[in-house]
Amino acid sequence: MSTPSTPVSHEAATSEQDPIEGIIPMIPIVIPVVGAVLIFLLAFIAVYMA
């Protein structure tokens, strides 16, 4: 049996951060803001149509 002369290192693959993990801390801010914008747009459409 032979062993490789240089061991393969996986440090570069583990140091990368998942893009989803970067967005998760902003979710408590983004969801209420998007909800407020959606409610405003729906109210604007209702007033415009009335």
N, C-alpha and C. Protein backbone atom coordinates (compact mmCIF):
# COMPACT_ATOMS: atom_id res chain seq x y z
N MET A 1 0.84 -1.18 0.00
CA MET A 1 0.00 0.00 0.00
C MET A 1 0.88 1.24 0.00
N SER A 2 0.44 2.24 -0.71
CA SER A 2 1.21 3.48 -0.76
C SER A 2 0.40 4.61 -0.14
N THR A 3 1.10 5.56 0.42
CA THR A 3 0.44 6.72 1.01
C THR A 3 0.81 7.95 0.18
N PRO A 4 -0.08 8.90 0.06
CA PRO A 4 0.27 10.10 -0.71
C PRO A 4 1.38 10.87 -0.02
N SER A 5 2.23 11.49 -0.82
CA SER A 5 3.38 12.19 -0.25
C SER A 5 2.95 13.50 0.42
N THR A 6 1.90 14.13 -0.08
CA THR A 6 1.42 15.36 0.55
C THR A 6 -0.04 15.16 0.97
N PRO A 7 -0.34 15.29 2.23
CA PRO A 7 -1.73 15.12 2.67
C PRO A 7 -2.60 16.28 2.16
N VAL A 8 -3.81 15.94 1.80
CA VAL A 8 -4.74 16.94 1.28
C VAL A 8 -5.37 17.68 2.46
N SER A 9 -5.33 19.01 2.40
CA SER A 9 -5.90 19.82 3.47
C SER A 9 -7.24 20.38 3.01
N HIS A 10 -8.23 20.30 3.90
CA HIS A 10 -9.57 20.81 3.59
C HIS A 10 -9.85 22.09 4.36
N GLU A 11 -8.84 22.80 4.81
CA GLU A 11 -9.05 24.00 5.60
C GLU A 11 -9.71 25.10 4.78
N ALA A 12 -9.41 25.22 3.51
CA ALA A 12 -9.99 26.27 2.68
C ALA A 12 -11.49 26.06 2.50
N ALA A 13 -11.91 24.83 2.41
CA ALA A 13 -13.34 24.54 2.22
C ALA A 13 -14.14 24.82 3.49
N THR A 14 -13.55 24.62 4.66
CA THR A 14 -14.29 24.83 5.90
C THR A 14 -14.30 26.29 6.32
N SER A 15 -13.38 27.11 5.83
CA SER A 15 -13.33 28.50 6.25
C SER A 15 -14.33 29.36 5.48
N GLU A 16 -14.88 28.87 4.36
CA GLU A 16 -15.86 29.64 3.61
C GLU A 16 -17.18 29.68 4.37
N GLN A 17 -17.85 30.84 4.27
CA GLN A 17 -19.13 30.98 4.95
C GLN A 17 -20.25 30.81 3.94
N ASP A 18 -21.26 30.09 4.35
CA ASP A 18 -22.42 29.86 3.49
C ASP A 18 -23.17 31.19 3.29
N PRO A 19 -23.60 31.51 2.08
CA PRO A 19 -24.32 32.78 1.87
C PRO A 19 -25.59 32.89 2.71
N ILE A 20 -26.25 31.77 2.95
CA ILE A 20 -27.47 31.80 3.76
C ILE A 20 -27.14 32.21 5.20
N GLU A 21 -26.00 31.75 5.71
CA GLU A 21 -25.62 32.10 7.08
C GLU A 21 -25.32 33.58 7.22
N GLY A 22 -24.96 34.25 6.14
CA GLY A 22 -24.71 35.68 6.19
C GLY A 22 -25.99 36.49 6.23
N ILE A 23 -27.08 35.93 5.71
CA ILE A 23 -28.35 36.65 5.65
C ILE A 23 -29.18 36.44 6.92
N ILE A 24 -29.00 35.31 7.57
CA ILE A 24 -29.84 34.95 8.73
C ILE A 24 -29.86 36.01 9.83
N PRO A 25 -28.75 36.67 10.18
CA PRO A 25 -28.84 37.70 11.24
C PRO A 25 -29.71 38.90 10.86
N MET A 26 -29.94 39.14 9.58
CA MET A 26 -30.73 40.29 9.15
C MET A 26 -32.21 39.99 9.07
N ILE A 27 -32.62 38.73 9.22
CA ILE A 27 -34.02 38.35 9.06
C ILE A 27 -34.95 39.08 10.03
N PRO A 28 -34.62 39.26 11.32
CA PRO A 28 -35.55 39.97 12.21
C PRO A 28 -35.80 41.42 11.80
N ILE A 29 -34.94 42.00 10.99
CA ILE A 29 -35.14 43.37 10.52
C ILE A 29 -35.85 43.37 9.17
N VAL A 30 -35.47 42.45 8.30
CA VAL A 30 -35.98 42.44 6.93
C VAL A 30 -37.45 42.06 6.87
N ILE A 31 -37.87 41.06 7.61
CA ILE A 31 -39.26 40.58 7.52
C ILE A 31 -40.27 41.67 7.93
N PRO A 32 -40.09 42.38 9.06
CA PRO A 32 -41.06 43.45 9.37
C PRO A 32 -41.04 44.59 8.35
N VAL A 33 -39.88 44.94 7.83
CA VAL A 33 -39.80 46.01 6.84
C VAL A 33 -40.54 45.61 5.57
N VAL A 34 -40.32 44.40 5.11
CA VAL A 34 -41.01 43.93 3.91
C VAL A 34 -42.52 43.85 4.17
N GLY A 35 -42.91 43.41 5.35
CA GLY A 35 -44.33 43.37 5.69
C GLY A 35 -44.96 44.75 5.70
N ALA A 36 -44.25 45.74 6.24
CA ALA A 36 -44.78 47.11 6.27
C ALA A 36 -44.91 47.67 4.86
N VAL A 37 -43.94 47.41 4.02
CA VAL A 37 -44.01 47.88 2.63
C VAL A 37 -45.17 47.21 1.91
N LEU A 38 -45.37 45.92 2.13
CA LEU A 38 -46.46 45.20 1.48
C LEU A 38 -47.82 45.75 1.92
N ILE A 39 -47.98 46.00 3.22
CA ILE A 39 -49.24 46.55 3.73
C ILE A 39 -49.48 47.94 3.15
N PHE A 40 -48.44 48.76 3.07
CA PHE A 40 -48.58 50.10 2.49
C PHE A 40 -49.00 50.03 1.03
N LEU A 41 -48.38 49.14 0.28
CA LEU A 41 -48.73 49.01 -1.13
C LEU A 41 -50.17 48.52 -1.31
N LEU A 42 -50.57 47.55 -0.51
CA LEU A 42 -51.96 47.06 -0.60
C LEU A 42 -52.96 48.15 -0.22
N ALA A 43 -52.65 48.94 0.80
CA ALA A 43 -53.54 50.03 1.20
C ALA A 43 -53.59 51.09 0.10
N PHE A 44 -52.46 51.39 -0.51
CA PHE A 44 -52.42 52.36 -1.60
C PHE A 44 -53.26 51.88 -2.78
N ILE A 45 -53.16 50.62 -3.10
CA ILE A 45 -53.95 50.07 -4.21
C ILE A 45 -55.44 50.13 -3.87
N ALA A 46 -55.81 49.83 -2.63
CA ALA A 46 -57.21 49.85 -2.23
C ALA A 46 -57.77 51.26 -2.30
N VAL A 47 -57.00 52.25 -1.87
CA VAL A 47 -57.47 53.64 -1.93
C VAL A 47 -57.55 54.10 -3.37
N TYR A 48 -56.61 53.71 -4.19
CA TYR A 48 -56.59 54.10 -5.60
C TYR A 48 -57.79 53.50 -6.35
N MET A 49 -58.14 52.27 -6.01
CA MET A 49 -59.24 51.61 -6.69
C MET A 49 -60.61 52.12 -6.21
N ALA A 50 -60.67 52.69 -5.01
CA ALA A 50 -61.97 53.11 -4.45
C ALA A 50 -62.47 54.40 -5.02
